[in-house]
């Protein structure tokens, strides 16, 4: 059972090693694979109304879950190759976003932070 990003990273390292795929897992290739998987995820929602996008049929839900897993897998592989701690990076980015989007200023709005300046 995968219990953390670190255990997922280690499992993915072993998976790639057993198949001699590390040679192909460059940040460039992994980022290209990541964006391809993200595009596959988007296809499930392309022609769905926004307020209906959370109502997925079982077959679609399973496919969406698999695409999300693929995205996570590639994200973890890229971060491993670049020695980025995703949790630390996310914490820093949230702090940046808190400054860009102060709750009292942006609550209920979808505007970009540059529209508030």
Protein backbone atom coordinates (compact mmCIF):
# COMPACT_ATOMS: atom_id res chain seq x y z
CA UNK A 1 0.00 0.00 0.00
CA UNK A 2 1.31 3.43 -0.96
CA UNK A 3 1.08 5.68 2.08
CA UNK A 4 3.01 8.81 1.13
CA UNK A 5 4.56 10.66 -1.76
CA UNK A 6 7.90 9.20 -0.71
CA UNK A 7 6.63 5.62 -0.85
CA UNK A 8 5.03 6.34 -4.24
CA UNK A 9 8.31 7.84 -5.47
CA UNK A 10 10.22 4.76 -4.31
CA UNK A 11 7.75 2.38 -5.91
CA UNK A 12 7.94 4.29 -9.19
CA UNK A 13 11.75 4.28 -9.07
CA UNK A 14 11.70 0.50 -8.70
CA UNK A 15 9.07 0.11 -11.42
CA UNK A 16 11.19 2.09 -13.90
CA UNK A 17 14.41 0.35 -12.84
CA UNK A 18 12.94 -3.13 -13.35
CA UNK A 19 12.01 -2.16 -16.92
CA UNK A 20 15.18 -0.20 -17.70
CA UNK A 21 13.04 2.87 -18.37
CA UNK A 22 15.08 5.35 -16.37
CA UNK A 23 16.95 6.22 -19.55
CA UNK A 24 13.70 7.56 -20.99
CA UNK A 25 12.47 9.29 -17.84
CA UNK A 26 14.06 12.66 -18.43
CA UNK A 27 12.31 15.77 -17.14
CA UNK A 28 11.54 16.70 -20.77
CA UNK A 29 9.96 13.35 -21.62
CA UNK A 30 8.11 13.09 -18.33
CA UNK A 31 6.70 16.60 -18.64
CA UNK A 32 5.49 15.81 -22.16
CA UNK A 33 3.83 12.62 -20.89
CA UNK A 34 2.28 14.60 -18.02
CA UNK A 35 0.67 17.12 -20.34
CA UNK A 36 -0.62 14.34 -22.60
CA UNK A 37 -2.29 12.69 -19.61
CA UNK A 38 -3.74 16.03 -18.52
CA UNK A 39 -5.22 16.42 -22.01
CA UNK A 40 -6.79 12.96 -21.70
CA UNK A 41 -8.37 14.06 -18.42
CA UNK A 42 -9.74 17.22 -20.00
CA UNK A 43 -11.40 15.19 -22.76
CA UNK A 44 -13.81 13.75 -20.19
CA UNK A 45 -15.09 17.24 -19.37
CA UNK A 46 -14.76 18.99 -22.73
CA UNK A 47 -18.46 19.10 -23.63
CA UNK A 48 -19.97 18.86 -20.17
CA UNK A 49 -21.62 21.85 -18.51
CA UNK A 50 -19.57 23.12 -15.57
CA UNK A 51 -22.24 22.48 -12.97
CA UNK A 52 -22.66 18.91 -14.26
CA UNK A 53 -18.96 18.06 -14.44
CA UNK A 54 -18.93 16.38 -11.03
CA UNK A 55 -21.72 13.97 -12.00
CA UNK A 56 -19.78 11.12 -13.60
CA UNK A 57 -21.09 7.77 -14.75
CA UNK A 58 -19.22 4.82 -13.20
CA UNK A 59 -17.28 4.03 -16.38
CA UNK A 60 -16.27 7.65 -16.83
CA UNK A 61 -15.35 7.98 -13.15
CA UNK A 62 -13.01 4.98 -13.43
CA UNK A 63 -11.35 6.48 -16.50
CA UNK A 64 -11.01 9.87 -14.78
CA UNK A 65 -9.42 8.19 -11.76
CA UNK A 66 -6.91 6.45 -14.03
CA UNK A 67 -6.01 9.71 -15.75
CA UNK A 68 -5.56 11.43 -12.40
CA UNK A 69 -3.31 8.57 -11.29
CA UNK A 70 -1.25 8.89 -14.49
CA UNK A 71 -0.87 12.62 -13.87
CA UNK A 72 0.23 12.02 -10.29
CA UNK A 73 2.69 9.32 -11.36
CA UNK A 74 4.35 11.54 -13.95
CA UNK A 75 4.38 14.50 -11.55
CA UNK A 76 6.10 12.43 -8.87
CA UNK A 77 8.64 11.07 -11.40
CA UNK A 78 9.49 14.57 -12.63
CA UNK A 79 9.88 15.87 -9.10
CA UNK A 80 12.12 12.89 -8.27
CA UNK A 81 14.34 13.53 -11.29
CA UNK A 82 14.63 17.23 -10.41
CA UNK A 83 14.95 16.57 -6.67
CA UNK A 84 11.91 18.71 -5.86
CA UNK A 85 10.05 18.01 -2.65
CA UNK A 86 6.47 18.41 -3.84
CA UNK A 87 5.00 18.98 -0.39
CA UNK A 88 7.51 21.72 0.41
CA UNK A 89 7.02 23.28 -3.02
CA UNK A 90 3.23 23.20 -2.56
CA UNK A 91 3.54 24.83 0.86
CA UNK A 92 5.65 27.64 -0.62
CA UNK A 93 3.24 28.10 -3.52
CA UNK A 94 0.23 28.28 -1.21
CA UNK A 95 1.99 31.03 0.76
CA UNK A 96 2.64 32.92 -2.48
CA UNK A 97 -1.00 32.53 -3.51
CA UNK A 98 -2.20 33.75 -0.11
CA UNK A 99 -0.35 37.01 -0.79
CA UNK A 100 -1.56 37.24 -4.40
CA UNK A 101 -5.15 36.48 -3.45
CA UNK A 102 -5.99 37.92 -0.02
CA UNK A 103 -9.29 36.34 1.07
CA UNK A 104 -10.86 39.64 2.08
CA UNK A 105 -10.16 41.04 -1.41
CA UNK A 106 -10.97 38.09 -3.68
CA UNK A 107 -13.68 36.12 -1.87
CA UNK A 108 -16.23 34.83 -4.38
CA UNK A 109 -14.35 36.12 -7.43
CA UNK A 110 -12.53 34.19 -10.17
CA UNK A 111 -10.49 37.17 -11.36
CA UNK A 112 -6.75 36.82 -11.83
CA UNK A 113 -4.59 38.52 -9.21
CA UNK A 114 -3.38 41.10 -11.74
CA UNK A 115 -6.96 42.38 -12.02
CA UNK A 116 -6.92 43.44 -8.37
CA UNK A 117 -3.85 45.61 -8.55
